[in-house]
Amino acid sequence: DRKRNAPLPPRKRVSFAASVALLEASTRSDAEEGRRLETRHDERF
């Protein structure tokens, strides 16, 4: 019961290069996300 009620560990985060994120958005035909990614100045998302 203690094991079952224990808090979950924090989720791991994964970062991608801007080009990969833009490629993924374009494969989903998500124009809005593509525009958002183009306007960002960060190299990684």
PDB file of all heavy atoms in Angstrom:
ATOM      1  N   ASP A   1       0.831  -1.207   0.000  1.00  0.00           N
ATOM      2  CA  ASP A   1       0.000   0.000   0.000  1.00  0.00           C
ATOM      3  C   ASP A   1       0.862   1.251   0.000  1.00  0.00           C
ATOM      4  O   ASP A   1       0.565   2.222  -0.698  1.00  0.00           O
ATOM      5  CB  ASP A   1      -0.938   0.014   1.208  1.00  0.00           C
ATOM      6  CG  ASP A   1      -2.067  -0.991   1.085  1.00  0.00           C
ATOM      7  OD1 ASP A   1      -2.301  -1.489  -0.042  1.00  0.00           O
ATOM      8  OD2 ASP A   1      -2.714  -1.293   2.111  1.00  0.00           O
ATOM      9  N   ARG A   2       1.932   1.239   0.787  1.00  0.00           N
ATOM     10  CA  ARG A   2       2.836   2.392   0.822  1.00  0.00           C
ATOM     11  C   ARG A   2       3.478   2.606  -0.534  1.00  0.00           C
ATOM     12  O   ARG A   2       3.613   3.730  -1.005  1.00  0.00           O
ATOM     13  CB  ARG A   2       3.931   2.182   1.874  1.00  0.00           C
ATOM     14  CG  ARG A   2       3.535   2.727   3.233  1.00  0.00           C
ATOM     15  CD  ARG A   2       4.740   2.734   4.154  1.00  0.00           C
ATOM     16  NE  ARG A   2       4.441   1.771   5.212  1.00  0.00           N
ATOM     17  CZ  ARG A   2       5.252   0.850   5.664  1.00  0.00           C
ATOM     18  NH1 ARG A   2       6.454   0.745   5.185  1.00  0.00           N
ATOM     19  NH2 ARG A   2       4.893   0.028   6.601  1.00  0.00           N
ATOM     20  N   LYS A   3       3.852   1.508  -1.163  1.00  0.00           N
ATOM     21  CA  LYS A   3       4.481   1.591  -2.478  1.00  0.00           C
ATOM     22  C   LYS A   3       3.492   2.151  -3.499  1.00  0.00           C
ATOM     23  O   LYS A   3       3.840   2.963  -4.343  1.00  0.00           O
ATOM     24  CB  LYS A   3       4.939   0.193  -2.903  1.00  0.00           C
ATOM     25  CG  LYS A   3       6.123   0.177  -3.802  1.00  0.00           C
ATOM     26  CD  LYS A   3       6.499  -1.246  -4.129  1.00  0.00           C
ATOM     27  CE  LYS A   3       7.953  -1.478  -3.854  1.00  0.00           C
ATOM     28  NZ  LYS A   3       8.388  -2.794  -4.270  1.00  0.00           N
ATOM     29  N   ARG A   4       2.251   1.700  -3.411  1.00  0.00           N
ATOM     30  CA  ARG A   4       1.222   2.135  -4.343  1.00  0.00           C
ATOM     31  C   ARG A   4       0.895   3.612  -4.148  1.00  0.00           C
ATOM     32  O   ARG A   4       0.600   4.330  -5.094  1.00  0.00           O
ATOM     33  CB  ARG A   4      -0.037   1.297  -4.137  1.00  0.00           C
ATOM     34  CG  ARG A   4      -0.950   1.301  -5.318  1.00  0.00           C
ATOM     35  CD  ARG A   4      -2.166   0.386  -5.157  1.00  0.00           C
ATOM     36  NE  ARG A   4      -1.846  -0.932  -4.666  1.00  0.00           N
ATOM     37  CZ  ARG A   4      -2.423  -1.496  -3.603  1.00  0.00           C
ATOM     38  NH1 ARG A   4      -3.340  -0.861  -2.925  1.00  0.00           N
ATOM     39  NH2 ARG A   4      -2.096  -2.715  -3.214  1.00  0.00           N
ATOM     40  N   ASN A   5       0.943   4.099  -2.899  1.00  0.00           N
ATOM     41  CA  ASN A   5       0.588   5.482  -2.605  1.00  0.00           C
ATOM     42  C   ASN A   5       1.787   6.426  -2.633  1.00  0.00           C
ATOM     43  O   ASN A   5       1.643   7.602  -2.344  1.00  0.00           O
ATOM     44  CB  ASN A   5      -0.090   5.570  -1.236  1.00  0.00           C
ATOM     45  CG  ASN A   5      -1.429   4.857  -1.226  1.00  0.00           C
ATOM     46  OD1 ASN A   5      -2.064   4.719  -2.253  1.00  0.00           O
ATOM     47  ND2 ASN A   5      -1.846   4.394  -0.069  1.00  0.00           N
ATOM     48  N   ALA A   6       2.950   5.918  -2.952  1.00  0.00           N
ATOM     49  CA  ALA A   6       4.148   6.751  -2.986  1.00  0.00           C
ATOM     50  C   ALA A   6       4.033   7.769  -4.117  1.00  0.00           C
ATOM     51  O   ALA A   6       3.439   7.487  -5.154  1.00  0.00           O
ATOM     52  CB  ALA A   6       5.387   5.882  -3.188  1.00  0.00           C
ATOM     53  N   PRO A   7       4.597   8.954  -3.903  1.00  0.00           N
ATOM     54  CA  PRO A   7       4.524   9.957  -4.976  1.00  0.00           C
ATOM     55  C   PRO A   7       5.312   9.505  -6.204  1.00  0.00           C
ATOM     56  O   PRO A   7       6.328   8.820  -6.097  1.00  0.00           O
ATOM     57  CB  PRO A   7       5.165  11.197  -4.351  1.00  0.00           C
ATOM     58  CG  PRO A   7       5.982  10.691  -3.213  1.00  0.00           C
ATOM     59  CD  PRO A   7       5.331   9.419  -2.755  1.00  0.00           C
ATOM     60  N   LEU A   8       4.815   9.903  -7.346  1.00  0.00           N
ATOM     61  CA  LEU A   8       5.471   9.538  -8.597  1.00  0.00           C
ATOM     62  C   LEU A   8       6.751  10.352  -8.762  1.00  0.00           C
ATOM     63  O   LEU A   8       6.804  11.513  -8.366  1.00  0.00           O
ATOM     64  CB  LEU A   8       4.546   9.807  -9.778  1.00  0.00           C
ATOM     65  CG  LEU A   8       3.269   8.972  -9.823  1.00  0.00           C
ATOM     66  CD1 LEU A   8       2.383   9.448 -10.966  1.00  0.00           C
ATOM     67  CD2 LEU A   8       3.609   7.507  -9.993  1.00  0.00           C
ATOM     68  N   PRO A   9       7.778   9.759  -9.331  1.00  0.00           N
ATOM     69  CA  PRO A   9       9.018  10.515  -9.559  1.00  0.00           C
ATOM     70  C   PRO A   9       8.760  11.604 -10.597  1.00  0.00           C
ATOM     71  O   PRO A   9       7.865  11.481 -11.432  1.00  0.00           O
ATOM     72  CB  PRO A   9       9.990   9.463 -10.084  1.00  0.00           C
ATOM     73  CG  PRO A   9       9.132   8.380 -10.615  1.00  0.00           C
ATOM     74  CD  PRO A   9       7.870   8.398  -9.809  1.00  0.00           C
ATOM     75  N   PRO A  10       9.543  12.673 -10.552  1.00  0.00           N
ATOM     76  CA  PRO A  10       9.333  13.740 -11.541  1.00  0.00           C
ATOM     77  C   PRO A  10       9.568  13.220 -12.953  1.00  0.00           C
ATOM     78  O   PRO A  10      10.425  12.371 -13.179  1.00  0.00           O
ATOM     79  CB  PRO A  10      10.372  14.796 -11.162  1.00  0.00           C
ATOM     80  CG  PRO A  10      11.335  14.120 -10.264  1.00  0.00           C
ATOM     81  CD  PRO A  10      10.651  12.938  -9.664  1.00  0.00           C
ATOM     82  N   ARG A  11       8.798  13.734 -13.876  1.00  0.00           N
ATOM     83  CA  ARG A  11       8.914  13.294 -15.267  1.00  0.00           C
ATOM     84  C   ARG A  11      10.208  13.820 -15.876  1.00  0.00           C
ATOM     85  O   ARG A  11      10.639  14.927 -15.577  1.00  0.00           O
ATOM     86  CB  ARG A  11       7.735  13.788 -16.085  1.00  0.00           C
ATOM     87  CG  ARG A  11       6.443  13.142 -15.672  1.00  0.00           C
ATOM     88  CD  ARG A  11       5.328  13.618 -16.593  1.00  0.00           C
ATOM     89  NE  ARG A  11       4.084  13.003 -16.199  1.00  0.00           N
ATOM     90  CZ  ARG A  11       3.492  12.056 -16.897  1.00  0.00           C
ATOM     91  NH1 ARG A  11       4.014  11.619 -17.998  1.00  0.00           N
ATOM     92  NH2 ARG A  11       2.362  11.540 -16.485  1.00  0.00           N
ATOM     93  N   LYS A  12      10.784  13.025 -16.724  1.00  0.00           N
ATOM     94  CA  LYS A  12      11.999  13.438 -17.401  1.00  0.00           C
ATOM     95  C   LYS A  12      11.636  14.326 -18.574  1.00  0.00           C
ATOM     96  O   LYS A  12      10.611  14.136 -19.215  1.00  0.00           O
ATOM     97  CB  LYS A  12      12.782  12.218 -17.889  1.00  0.00           C
ATOM     98  CG  LYS A  12      13.303  11.381 -16.743  1.00  0.00           C
ATOM     99  CD  LYS A  12      14.108  10.228 -17.253  1.00  0.00           C
ATOM    100  CE  LYS A  12      14.616   9.413 -16.068  1.00  0.00           C
ATOM    101  NZ  LYS A  12      15.438   8.315 -16.490  1.00  0.00           N
ATOM    102  N   ARG A  13      12.474  15.282 -18.839  1.00  0.00           N
ATOM    103  CA  ARG A  13      12.243  16.190 -19.957  1.00  0.00           C
ATOM    104  C   ARG A  13      13.237  15.879 -21.067  1.00  0.00           C
ATOM    105  O   ARG A  13      14.377  15.534 -20.803  1.00  0.00           O
ATOM    106  CB  ARG A  13      12.401  17.636 -19.511  1.00  0.00           C
ATOM    107  CG  ARG A  13      11.312  18.039 -18.524  1.00  0.00           C
ATOM    108  CD  ARG A  13      11.531  19.451 -18.067  1.00  0.00           C
ATOM    109  NE  ARG A  13      10.420  19.850 -17.247  1.00  0.00           N
ATOM    110  CZ  ARG A  13       9.668  20.900 -17.501  1.00  0.00           C
ATOM    111  NH1 ARG A  13       9.926  21.662 -18.539  1.00  0.00           N
ATOM    112  NH2 ARG A  13       8.672  21.207 -16.711  1.00  0.00           N
ATOM    113  N   VAL A  14      12.769  16.058 -22.278  1.00  0.00           N
ATOM    114  CA  VAL A  14      13.603  15.805 -23.445  1.00  0.00           C
ATOM    115  C   VAL A  14      13.657  17.095 -24.245  1.00  0.00           C
ATOM    116  O   VAL A  14      12.638  17.737 -24.485  1.00  0.00           O
ATOM    117  CB  VAL A  14      13.007  14.677 -24.319  1.00  0.00           C
ATOM    118  CG1 VAL A  14      13.862  14.437 -25.542  1.00  0.00           C
ATOM    119  CG2 VAL A  14      12.858  13.411 -23.494  1.00  0.00           C
ATOM    120  N   SER A  15      14.849  17.479 -24.640  1.00  0.00           N
ATOM    121  CA  SER A  15      14.960  18.697 -25.447  1.00  0.00           C
ATOM    122  C   SER A  15      15.405  18.321 -26.862  1.00  0.00           C
ATOM    123  O   SER A  15      16.161  17.374 -27.064  1.00  0.00           O
ATOM    124  CB  SER A  15      15.949  19.668 -24.815  1.00  0.00           C
ATOM    125  OG  SER A  15      17.207  19.058 -24.690  1.00  0.00           O
ATOM    126  N   PHE A  16      14.888  19.081 -27.820  1.00  0.00           N
ATOM    127  CA  PHE A  16      15.193  18.833 -29.221  1.00  0.00           C
ATOM    128  C   PHE A  16      15.776  20.099 -29.841  1.00  0.00           C
ATOM    129  O   PHE A  16      15.467  21.216 -29.406  1.00  0.00           O
ATOM    130  CB  PHE A  16      13.921  18.458 -29.994  1.00  0.00           C
ATOM    131  CG  PHE A  16      13.309  17.163 -29.541  1.00  0.00           C
ATOM    132  CD1 PHE A  16      12.265  17.148 -28.628  1.00  0.00           C
ATOM    133  CD2 PHE A  16      13.784  15.961 -30.020  1.00  0.00           C
ATOM    134  CE1 PHE A  16      11.701  15.960 -28.220  1.00  0.00           C
ATOM    135  CE2 PHE A  16      13.223  14.763 -29.613  1.00  0.00           C
ATOM    136  CZ  PHE A  16      12.181  14.758 -28.703  1.00  0.00           C
ATOM    137  N   ALA A  17      16.556  19.918 -30.858  1.00  0.00           N
ATOM    138  CA  ALA A  17      17.068  21.062 -31.607  1.00  0.00           C
ATOM    139  C   ALA A  17      15.901  21.738 -32.312  1.00  0.00           C
ATOM    140  O   ALA A  17      14.874  21.114 -32.597  1.00  0.00           O
ATOM    141  CB  ALA A  17      18.106  20.595 -32.619  1.00  0.00           C
ATOM    142  N   ALA A  18      16.062  23.039 -32.569  1.00  0.00           N
ATOM    143  CA  ALA A  18      14.982  23.807 -33.204  1.00  0.00           C
ATOM    144  C   ALA A  18      14.604  23.217 -34.551  1.00  0.00           C
ATOM    145  O   ALA A  18      13.421  23.164 -34.913  1.00  0.00           O
ATOM    146  CB  ALA A  18      15.413  25.261 -33.347  1.00  0.00           C
ATOM    147  N   SER A  19      15.578  22.739 -35.286  1.00  0.00           N
ATOM    148  CA  SER A  19      15.286  22.181 -36.612  1.00  0.00           C
ATOM    149  C   SER A  19      14.436  20.915 -36.500  1.00  0.00           C
ATOM    150  O   SER A  19      13.549  20.686 -37.329  1.00  0.00           O
ATOM    151  CB  SER A  19      16.586  21.888 -37.355  1.00  0.00           C
ATOM    152  OG  SER A  19      17.370  20.963 -36.615  1.00  0.00           O
ATOM    153  N   VAL A  20      14.682  20.120 -35.492  1.00  0.00           N
ATOM    154  CA  VAL A  20      13.903  18.888 -35.302  1.00  0.00           C
ATOM    155  C   VAL A  20      12.472  19.231 -34.923  1.00  0.00           C
ATOM    156  O   VAL A  20      11.514  18.632 -35.443  1.00  0.00           O
ATOM    157  CB  VAL A  20      14.564  17.978 -34.236  1.00  0.00           C
ATOM    158  CG1 VAL A  20      13.685  16.791 -33.920  1.00  0.00           C
ATOM    159  CG2 VAL A  20      15.938  17.545 -34.680  1.00  0.00           C
ATOM    160  N   ALA A  21      12.310  20.189 -34.035  1.00  0.00           N
ATOM    161  CA  ALA A  21      10.965  20.596 -33.628  1.00  0.00           C
ATOM    162  C   ALA A  21      10.194  21.160 -34.809  1.00  0.00           C
ATOM    163  O   ALA A  21       8.994  20.874 -34.988  1.00  0.00           O
ATOM    164  CB  ALA A  21      11.046  21.612 -32.502  1.00  0.00           C
ATOM    165  N   LEU A  22      10.863  21.962 -35.637  1.00  0.00           N
ATOM    166  CA  LEU A  22      10.205  22.529 -36.813  1.00  0.00           C
ATOM    167  C   LEU A  22       9.838  21.429 -37.816  1.00  0.00           C
ATOM    168  O   LEU A  22       8.745  21.437 -38.393  1.00  0.00           O
ATOM    169  CB  LEU A  22      11.116  23.561 -37.465  1.00  0.00           C
ATOM    170  CG  LEU A  22      10.541  24.328 -38.643  1.00  0.00           C
ATOM    171  CD1 LEU A  22       9.279  25.069 -38.228  1.00  0.00           C
ATOM    172  CD2 LEU A  22      11.575  25.290 -39.195  1.00  0.00           C
ATOM    173  N   LEU A  23      10.716  20.458 -37.991  1.00  0.00           N
ATOM    174  CA  LEU A  23      10.439  19.343 -38.891  1.00  0.00           C
ATOM    175  C   LEU A  23       9.236  18.536 -38.407  1.00  0.00           C
ATOM    176  O   LEU A  23       8.353  18.167 -39.192  1.00  0.00           O
ATOM    177  CB  LEU A  23      11.671  18.444 -39.003  1.00  0.00           C
ATOM    178  CG  LEU A  23      11.545  17.223 -39.901  1.00  0.00           C
ATOM    179  CD1 LEU A  23      11.331  17.665 -41.350  1.00  0.00           C
ATOM    180  CD2 LEU A  23      12.767  16.354 -39.780  1.00  0.00           C
ATOM    181  N   GLU A  24       9.168  18.281 -37.114  1.00  0.00           N
ATOM    182  CA  GLU A  24       8.059  17.516 -36.544  1.00  0.00           C
ATOM    183  C   GLU A  24       6.749  18.280 -36.718  1.00  0.00           C
ATOM    184  O   GLU A  24       5.721  17.698 -37.069  1.00  0.00           O
ATOM    185  CB  GLU A  24       8.335  17.226 -35.056  1.00  0.00           C
ATOM    186  CG  GLU A  24       7.424  16.200 -34.430  1.00  0.00           C
ATOM    187  CD  GLU A  24       6.156  16.825 -33.861  1.00  0.00           C
ATOM    188  OE1 GLU A  24       6.171  18.016 -33.497  1.00  0.00           O
ATOM    189  OE2 GLU A  24       5.146  16.093 -33.792  1.00  0.00           O
ATOM    190  N   ALA A  25       6.760  19.578 -36.488  1.00  0.00           N
ATOM    191  CA  ALA A  25       5.548  20.388 -36.667  1.00  0.00           C
ATOM    192  C   ALA A  25       5.103  20.376 -38.121  1.00  0.00           C
ATOM    193  O   ALA A  25       3.900  20.309 -38.417  1.00  0.00           O
ATOM    194  CB  ALA A  25       5.803  21.810 -36.191  1.00  0.00           C
ATOM    195  N   SER A  26       6.059  20.414 -39.039  1.00  0.00           N
ATOM    196  CA  SER A  26       5.690  20.425 -40.458  1.00  0.00           C
ATOM    197  C   SER A  26       5.138  19.075 -40.903  1.00  0.00           C
ATOM    198  O   SER A  26       4.255  19.012 -41.765  1.00  0.00           O
ATOM    199  CB  SER A  26       6.879  20.832 -41.321  1.00  0.00           C
ATOM    200  OG  SER A  26       7.898  19.873 -41.207  1.00  0.00           O
ATOM    201  N   THR A  27       5.633  17.975 -40.342  1.00  0.00           N
ATOM    202  CA  THR A  27       5.101  16.661 -40.712  1.00  0.00           C
ATOM    203  C   THR A  27       3.667  16.495 -40.228  1.00  0.00           C
ATOM    204  O   THR A  27       2.904  15.738 -40.819  1.00  0.00           O
ATOM    205  CB  THR A  27       5.960  15.507 -40.162  1.00  0.00           C
ATOM    206  OG1 THR A  27       6.040  15.630 -38.757  1.00  0.00           O
ATOM    207  CG2 THR A  27       7.335  15.507 -40.766  1.00  0.00           C
ATOM    208  N   ARG A  28       3.305  17.202 -39.166  1.00  0.00           N
ATOM    209  CA  ARG A  28       1.927  17.149 -38.670  1.00  0.00           C
ATOM    210  C   ARG A  28       1.058  18.214 -39.330  1.00  0.00           C
ATOM    211  O   ARG A  28      -0.116  18.357 -38.985  1.00  0.00           O
ATOM    212  CB  ARG A  28       1.888  17.350 -37.152  1.00  0.00           C
ATOM    213  CG  ARG A  28       2.443  16.181 -36.364  1.00  0.00           C
ATOM    214  CD  ARG A  28       2.257  16.365 -34.857  1.00  0.00           C
ATOM    215  NE  ARG A  28       3.138  17.422 -34.352  1.00  0.00           N
ATOM    216  CZ  ARG A  28       2.726  18.553 -33.771  1.00  0.00           C
ATOM    217  NH1 ARG A  28       1.452  18.784 -33.604  1.00  0.00           N
ATOM    218  NH2 ARG A  28       3.586  19.450 -33.360  1.00  0.00           N
ATOM    219  N   SER A  29       1.649  18.975 -40.219  1.00  0.00           N
ATOM    220  CA  SER A  29       0.942  20.072 -40.902  1.00  0.00           C
ATOM    221  C   SER A  29       0.383  21.071 -39.898  1.00  0.00           C
ATOM    222  O   SER A  29      -0.738  21.564 -40.030  1.00  0.00           O
ATOM    223  CB  SER A  29      -0.189  19.543 -41.789  1.00  0.00           C
ATOM    224  OG  SER A  29       0.344  18.681 -42.764  1.00  0.00           O
ATOM    225  N   ASP A  30       1.163  21.357 -38.860  1.00  0.00           N
ATOM    226  CA  ASP A  30       0.758  22.304 -37.823  1.00  0.00           C
ATOM    227  C   ASP A  30       1.402  23.654 -38.126  1.00  0.00           C
ATOM    228  O   ASP A  30       2.496  23.974 -37.668  1.00  0.00           O
ATOM    229  CB  ASP A  30       1.189  21.789 -36.449  1.00  0.00           C
ATOM    230  CG  ASP A  30       0.576  22.581 -35.315  1.00  0.00           C
ATOM    231  OD1 ASP A  30       0.022  23.665 -35.569  1.00  0.00           O
ATOM    232  OD2 ASP A  30       0.651  22.097 -34.171  1.00  0.00           O
ATOM    233  N   ALA A  31       0.702  24.445 -38.918  1.00  0.00           N
ATOM    234  CA  ALA A  31       1.241  25.736 -39.361  1.00  0.00           C
ATOM    235  C   ALA A  31       1.419  26.690 -38.189  1.00  0.00           C
ATOM    236  O   ALA A  31       2.412  27.442 -38.132  1.00  0.00           O
ATOM    237  CB  ALA A  31       0.323  26.346 -40.409  1.00  0.00           C
ATOM    238  N   GLU A  32       0.493  26.661 -37.246  1.00  0.00           N
ATOM    239  CA  GLU A  32       0.583  27.574 -36.098  1.00  0.00           C
ATOM    240  C   GLU A  32       1.850  27.320 -35.280  1.00  0.00           C
ATOM    241  O   GLU A  32       2.577  28.252 -34.932  1.00  0.00           O
ATOM    242  CB  GLU A  32      -0.661  27.422 -35.218  1.00  0.00           C
ATOM    243  CG  GLU A  32      -0.701  28.386 -34.054  1.00  0.00           C
ATOM    244  CD  GLU A  32      -1.962  28.196 -33.226  1.00  0.00           C
ATOM    245  OE1 GLU A  32      -3.040  27.965 -33.812  1.00  0.00           O
ATOM    246  OE2 GLU A  32      -1.847  28.290 -31.991  1.00  0.00           O
ATOM    247  N   GLU A  33       2.122  26.072 -34.994  1.00  0.00           N
ATOM    248  CA  GLU A  33       3.339  25.753 -34.244  1.00  0.00           C
ATOM    249  C   GLU A  33       4.582  26.070 -35.067  1.00  0.00           C
ATOM    250  O   GLU A  33       5.585  26.545 -34.537  1.00  0.00           O
ATOM    251  CB  GLU A  33       3.358  24.289 -33.804  1.00  0.00           C
ATOM    252  CG  GLU A  33       4.533  23.968 -32.900  1.00  0.00           C
ATOM    253  CD  GLU A  33       4.527  22.555 -32.357  1.00  0.00           C
ATOM    254  OE1 GLU A  33       3.592  21.787 -32.667  1.00  0.00           O
ATOM    255  OE2 GLU A  33       5.465  22.220 -31.627  1.00  0.00           O
ATOM    256  N   GLY A  34       4.522  25.849 -36.361  1.00  0.00           N
ATOM    257  CA  GLY A  34       5.646  26.180 -37.233  1.00  0.00           C
ATOM    258  C   GLY A  34       5.968  27.662 -37.175  1.00  0.00           C
ATOM    259  O   GLY A  34       7.139  28.049 -37.068  1.00  0.00           O
ATOM    260  N   ARG A  35       4.930  28.513 -37.244  1.00  0.00           N
ATOM    261  CA  ARG A  35       5.152  29.963 -37.145  1.00  0.00           C
ATOM    262  C   ARG A  35       5.728  30.336 -35.785  1.00  0.00           C
ATOM    263  O   ARG A  35       6.623  31.164 -35.683  1.00  0.00           O
ATOM    264  CB  ARG A  35       3.838  30.709 -37.376  1.00  0.00           C
ATOM    265  CG  ARG A  35       3.515  30.872 -38.819  1.00  0.00           C
ATOM    266  CD  ARG A  35       2.328  31.796 -39.035  1.00  0.00           C
ATOM    267  NE  ARG A  35       1.485  31.169 -40.054  1.00  0.00           N
ATOM    268  CZ  ARG A  35       0.359  30.487 -39.818  1.00  0.00           C
ATOM    269  NH1 ARG A  35      -0.111  30.378 -38.609  1.00  0.00           N
ATOM    270  NH2 ARG A  35      -0.294  29.938 -40.811  1.00  0.00           N
ATOM    271  N   ARG A  36       5.195  29.702 -34.728  1.00  0.00           N
ATOM    272  CA  ARG A  36       5.689  29.991 -33.377  1.00  0.00           C
ATOM    273  C   ARG A  36       7.166  29.619 -33.266  1.00  0.00           C
ATOM    274  O   ARG A  36       7.958  30.345 -32.677  1.00  0.00           O
ATOM    275  CB  ARG A  36       4.862  29.226 -32.331  1.00  0.00           C
ATOM    276  CG  ARG A  36       5.238  29.555 -30.901  1.00  0.00           C
ATOM    277  CD  ARG A  36       4.343  28.829 -29.900  1.00  0.00           C
ATOM    278  NE  ARG A  36       4.346  27.381 -30.060  1.00  0.00           N
ATOM    279  CZ  ARG A  36       5.266  26.573 -29.535  1.00  0.00           C
ATOM    280  NH1 ARG A  36       6.263  27.041 -28.841  1.00  0.00           N
ATOM    281  NH2 ARG A  36       5.185  25.263 -29.725  1.00  0.00           N
ATOM    282  N   LEU A  37       7.539  28.481 -33.821  1.00  0.00           N
ATOM    283  CA  LEU A  37       8.927  28.038 -33.748  1.00  0.00           C
ATOM    284  C   LEU A  37       9.844  28.936 -34.572  1.00  0.00           C
ATOM    285  O   LEU A  37      10.990  29.183 -34.203  1.00  0.00           O
ATOM    286  CB  LEU A  37       9.050  26.582 -34.225  1.00  0.00           C
ATOM    287  CG  LEU A  37       8.419  25.537 -33.311  1.00  0.00           C
ATOM    288  CD1 LEU A  37       8.419  24.177 -33.989  1.00  0.00           C
ATOM    289  CD2 LEU A  37       9.136  25.478 -31.989  1.00  0.00           C
ATOM    290  N   GLU A  38       9.348  29.434 -35.692  1.00  0.00           N
ATOM    291  CA  GLU A  38      10.167  30.318 -36.523  1.00  0.00           C
ATOM    292  C   GLU A  38      10.431  31.656 -35.841  1.00  0.00           C
ATOM    293  O   GLU A  38      11.479  32.257 -36.024  1.00  0.00           O
ATOM    294  CB  GLU A  38       9.484  30.568 -37.874  1.00  0.00           C
ATOM    295  CG  GLU A  38       9.539  29.381 -38.793  1.00  0.00           C
ATOM    296  CD  GLU A  38       8.751  29.616 -40.074  1.00  0.00           C
ATOM    297  OE1 GLU A  38       7.958  30.580 -40.144  1.00  0.00           O
ATOM    298  OE2 GLU A  38       8.940  28.825 -41.011  1.00  0.00           O
ATOM    299  N   THR A  39       9.477  32.121 -35.038  1.00  0.00           N
ATOM    300  CA  THR A  39       9.641  33.422 -34.379  1.00  0.00           C
ATOM    301  C   THR A  39      10.511  33.342 -33.131  1.00  0.00           C
ATOM    302  O   THR A  39      10.987  34.359 -32.657  1.00  0.00           O
ATOM    303  CB  THR A  39       8.272  34.015 -33.986  1.00  0.00           C
ATOM    304  OG1 THR A  39       7.628  33.123 -33.107  1.00  0.00           O
ATOM    305  CG2 THR A  39       7.431  34.282 -35.220  1.00  0.00           C
ATOM    306  N   ARG A  40      10.722  32.148 -32.619  1.00  0.00           N
ATOM    307  CA  ARG A  40      11.570  31.989 -31.429  1.00  0.00           C
ATOM    308  C   ARG A  40      13.029  32.172 -31.808  1.00  0.00           C
ATOM    309  O   ARG A  40      13.461  31.808 -32.879  1.00  0.00           O
ATOM    310  CB  ARG A  40      11.399  30.601 -30.801  1.00  0.00           C
ATOM    311  CG  ARG A  40      10.102  30.480 -30.044  1.00  0.00           C
ATOM    312  CD  ARG A  40      10.169  29.275 -29.197  1.00  0.00           C
ATOM    313  NE  ARG A  40       9.983  29.707 -27.825  1.00  0.00           N
ATOM    314  CZ  ARG A  40      10.073  28.901 -26.799  1.00  0.00           C
ATOM    315  NH1 ARG A  40      10.386  27.661 -26.989  1.00  0.00           N
ATOM    316  NH2 ARG A  40       9.877  29.341 -25.596  1.00  0.00           N
ATOM    317  N   HIS A  41      13.781  32.689 -30.848  1.00  0.00           N
ATOM    318  CA  HIS A  41      15.199  32.920 -31.095  1.00  0.00           C
ATOM    319  C   HIS A  41      16.074  31.856 -30.444  1.00  0.00           C
ATOM    320  O   HIS A  41      17.277  31.868 -30.620  1.00  0.00           O
ATOM    321  CB  HIS A  41      15.605  34.302 -30.586  1.00  0.00           C
ATOM    322  CG  HIS A  41      14.858  35.396 -31.265  1.00  0.00           C
ATOM    323  ND1 HIS A  41      15.096  35.747 -32.575  1.00  0.00           N
ATOM    324  CD2 HIS A  41      13.873  36.196 -30.828  1.00  0.00           C
ATOM    325  CE1 HIS A  41      14.296  36.737 -32.904  1.00  0.00           C
ATOM    326  NE2 HIS A  41      13.529  37.035 -31.858  1.00  0.00           N
ATOM    327  N   ASP A  42      15.454  30.940 -29.691  1.00  0.00           N
ATOM    328  CA  ASP A  42      16.229  29.896 -29.003  1.00  0.00           C
ATOM    329  C   ASP A  42      16.711  28.866 -30.015  1.00  0.00           C
ATOM    330  O   ASP A  42      16.058  28.584 -31.010  1.00  0.00           O
ATOM    331  CB  ASP A  42      15.375  29.166 -27.960  1.00  0.00           C
ATOM    332  CG  ASP A  42      14.943  30.092 -26.834  1.00  0.00           C
ATOM    333  OD1 ASP A  42      15.610  31.124 -26.665  1.00  0.00           O
ATOM    334  OD2 ASP A  42      13.958  29.758 -26.150  1.00  0.00           O
ATOM    335  N   GLU A  43      17.881  28.312 -29.729  1.00  0.00           N
ATOM    336  CA  GLU A  43      18.402  27.244 -30.576  1.00  0.00           C
ATOM    337  C   GLU A  43      17.734  25.899 -30.272  1.00  0.00           C
ATOM    338  O   GLU A  43      17.625  25.040 -31.106  1.00  0.00           O
ATOM    339  CB  GLU A  43      19.919  27.123 -30.393  1.00  0.00           C
ATOM    340  CG  GLU A  43      20.705  28.132 -31.175  1.00  0.00           C
ATOM    341  CD  GLU A  43      20.481  27.967 -32.680  1.00  0.00           C
ATOM    342  OE1 GLU A  43      20.610  26.824 -33.155  1.00  0.00           O
ATOM    343  OE2 GLU A  43      20.174  28.967 -33.328  1.00  0.00           O
ATOM    344  N   ARG A  44      17.329  25.707 -28.991  1.00  0.00           N
ATOM    345  CA  ARG A  44      16.754  24.436 -28.575  1.00  0.00           C
ATOM    346  C   ARG A  44      15.400  24.697 -27.924  1.00  0.00           C
ATOM    347  O   ARG A  44      15.181  25.707 -27.300  1.00  0.00           O
ATOM    348  CB  ARG A  44      17.666  23.722 -27.591  1.00  0.00           C
ATOM    349  CG  ARG A  44      19.016  23.387 -28.215  1.00  0.00           C
ATOM    350  CD  ARG A  44      19.976  22.848 -27.175  1.00  0.00           C
ATOM    351  NE  ARG A  44      19.563  21.578 -26.651  1.00  0.00           N
ATOM    352  CZ  ARG A  44      19.869  20.412 -27.230  1.00  0.00           C
ATOM    353  NH1 ARG A  44      20.568  20.371 -28.311  1.00  0.00           N
ATOM    354  NH2 ARG A  44      19.472  19.287 -26.700  1.00  0.00           N
ATOM    355  N   PHE A  45      14.475  23.749 -28.084  1.00  0.00           N
ATOM    356  CA  PHE A  45      13.152  23.861 -27.490  1.00  0.00           C
ATOM    357  C   PHE A  45      12.987  22.727 -26.494  1.00  0.00           C
ATOM    358  O   PHE A  45      13.519  21.643 -26.678  1.00  0.00           O
ATOM    359  CB  PHE A  45      12.076  23.777 -28.559  1.00  0.00           C
ATOM    360  CG  PHE A  45      12.176  24.887 -29.565  1.00  0.00           C
ATOM    361  CD1 PHE A  45      12.759  24.661 -30.783  1.00  0.00           C
ATOM    362  CD2 PHE A  45      11.725  26.145 -29.251  1.00  0.00           C
ATOM    363  CE1 PHE A  45      12.874  25.666 -31.700  1.00  0.00           C
ATOM    364  CE2 PHE A  45      11.835  27.159 -30.166  1.00  0.00           C
ATOM    365  CZ  PHE A  45      12.414  26.926 -31.406  1.00  0.00           C
TER     366      PHE A  45
END
